Amino acid sequence: MARKTHYQQLKEYYEEKVDTEKPCSVGNTLSVSRLSGVPEWAADYPVTGQVTRVEPKGVGTHNIVADWFVRVRFDSDQPTGVAGTTTELFCVGGSRRSWADLPVVVTDD
């Protein structure tokens, strides 16, 4: 079995230390009813995206205190006004809003 990298060890350590339950997993499809910086007239909400990264606090280069950082990439083939390169970072728990308070619904598990 391959050895875990320092990054993988840190990620596992912080996953055990957060108070908030892991909100979703990489590969989940999300329906998002609001994106920061994209007004309602500029996109056909809700938009569908795929989770590309889920990290616990203390991992990565974030200047925000939160329990989880969820990065979502949006499909380019949707006529929604949201380009395929558009990503959104959702910060969950800790000093940030809970997953239930975000404009996000997991449409598959």
Protein backbone atom coordinates (compact mmCIF):
# COMPACT_ATOMS: atom_id res chain seq x y z
CA MET A 1 0.00 0.00 0.00
CA ALA A 2 1.30 3.44 -0.90
CA ARG A 3 2.33 5.83 1.83
CA LYS A 4 0.12 8.82 2.45
CA THR A 5 1.48 12.22 1.61
CA HIS A 6 1.77 14.92 4.24
CA TYR A 7 -1.23 16.65 2.64
CA GLN A 8 -3.37 13.47 2.91
CA GLN A 9 -2.36 13.03 6.56
CA LEU A 10 -3.26 16.66 7.34
CA LYS A 11 -6.60 16.32 5.58
CA GLU A 12 -7.53 13.21 7.59
CA TYR A 13 -6.41 14.90 10.82
CA TYR A 14 -8.59 17.96 10.23
CA GLU A 15 -11.58 15.89 9.05
CA GLU A 16 -11.65 14.34 12.54
CA LYS A 17 -11.32 17.73 14.28
CA VAL A 18 -14.18 19.69 12.69
CA ASP A 19 -17.51 20.04 14.49
CA THR A 20 -19.63 20.14 11.34
CA GLU A 21 -20.59 17.00 9.42
CA LYS A 22 -19.02 16.66 5.97
CA PRO A 23 -21.57 18.36 3.69
CA CYS A 24 -21.00 16.40 0.46
CA SER A 25 -18.40 14.40 -1.44
CA VAL A 26 -16.29 14.89 -4.55
CA GLY A 27 -18.36 13.90 -7.57
CA ASN A 28 -21.74 14.87 -6.08
CA THR A 29 -24.00 16.94 -8.31
CA LEU A 30 -25.36 20.13 -6.76
CA SER A 31 -28.24 22.38 -7.71
CA VAL A 32 -27.35 25.96 -6.78
CA SER A 33 -29.95 28.73 -6.66
CA ARG A 34 -27.53 31.62 -6.14
CA LEU A 35 -23.87 32.31 -6.95
CA SER A 36 -21.80 35.16 -5.63
CA GLY A 37 -21.10 37.73 -8.31
CA VAL A 38 -23.70 36.31 -10.74
CA PRO A 39 -26.96 38.28 -10.54
CA GLU A 40 -30.33 36.63 -11.20
CA TRP A 41 -30.68 38.26 -14.63
CA ALA A 42 -27.29 36.89 -15.75
CA ALA A 43 -27.99 33.21 -15.10
CA ASP A 44 -30.91 30.83 -15.47
CA TYR A 45 -31.09 29.62 -11.86
CA PRO A 46 -30.89 26.98 -10.54
CA VAL A 47 -27.60 25.92 -12.09
CA THR A 48 -26.14 22.44 -11.78
CA GLY A 49 -22.52 21.80 -10.91
CA GLN A 50 -20.24 19.02 -9.80
CA VAL A 51 -18.23 19.01 -6.58
CA THR A 52 -14.53 18.96 -7.47
CA ARG A 53 -13.04 19.46 -4.02
CA VAL A 54 -14.08 19.09 -0.37
CA GLU A 55 -11.51 20.13 2.22
CA PRO A 56 -11.64 20.46 5.99
CA LYS A 57 -10.39 23.60 7.70
CA GLY A 58 -6.67 24.11 7.91
CA VAL A 59 -6.00 22.55 4.51
CA GLY A 60 -5.33 24.67 1.45
CA THR A 61 -4.70 28.36 1.06
CA HIS A 62 -7.80 30.04 2.42
CA ASN A 63 -8.04 33.27 4.36
CA ILE A 64 -11.46 32.27 5.68
CA VAL A 65 -12.23 30.37 8.87
CA ALA A 66 -14.72 27.57 8.17
CA ASP A 67 -15.12 23.87 8.89
CA TRP A 68 -15.39 22.81 5.23
CA PHE A 69 -14.49 24.30 1.87
CA VAL A 70 -16.50 22.95 -1.07
CA ARG A 71 -15.50 23.83 -4.64
CA VAL A 72 -18.06 23.36 -7.40
CA ARG A 73 -17.53 23.50 -11.19
CA PHE A 74 -20.50 24.28 -13.40
CA ASP A 75 -21.39 22.51 -16.64
CA SER A 76 -20.55 24.38 -19.83
CA ASP A 77 -23.33 22.76 -21.88
CA GLN A 78 -26.11 24.34 -19.83
CA PRO A 79 -27.75 27.45 -21.30
CA THR A 80 -27.58 29.11 -17.92
CA GLY A 81 -25.23 32.02 -18.43
CA VAL A 82 -22.66 30.32 -16.19
CA ALA A 83 -19.54 29.38 -18.15
CA GLY A 84 -17.88 25.97 -17.92
CA THR A 85 -14.89 27.50 -16.23
CA THR A 86 -17.01 29.05 -13.49
CA THR A 87 -16.25 27.67 -10.05
CA GLU A 88 -17.72 28.61 -6.72
CA LEU A 89 -16.28 28.13 -3.25
CA PHE A 90 -18.76 27.44 -0.48
CA CYS A 91 -17.49 27.87 3.08
CA VAL A 92 -19.43 25.81 5.59
CA GLY A 93 -19.58 25.81 9.39
CA GLY A 94 -17.25 27.39 11.91
CA SER A 95 -17.73 31.15 11.60
CA ARG A 96 -19.59 30.69 8.29
CA ARG A 97 -23.16 29.64 7.48
CA SER A 98 -24.24 26.04 7.86
CA TRP A 99 -24.76 23.87 4.76
CA ALA A 100 -28.54 24.04 5.29
CA ASP A 101 -28.43 27.86 5.08
CA LEU A 102 -26.61 27.91 1.73
CA PRO A 103 -28.48 28.05 -1.62
CA VAL A 104 -27.31 24.49 -2.39
CA VAL A 105 -29.07 21.13 -2.77
CA VAL A 106 -27.25 17.83 -3.37
CA THR A 107 -29.18 16.15 -6.19
CA ASP A 108 -27.31 12.83 -6.05
CA ASP A 109 -25.35 10.96 -3.38
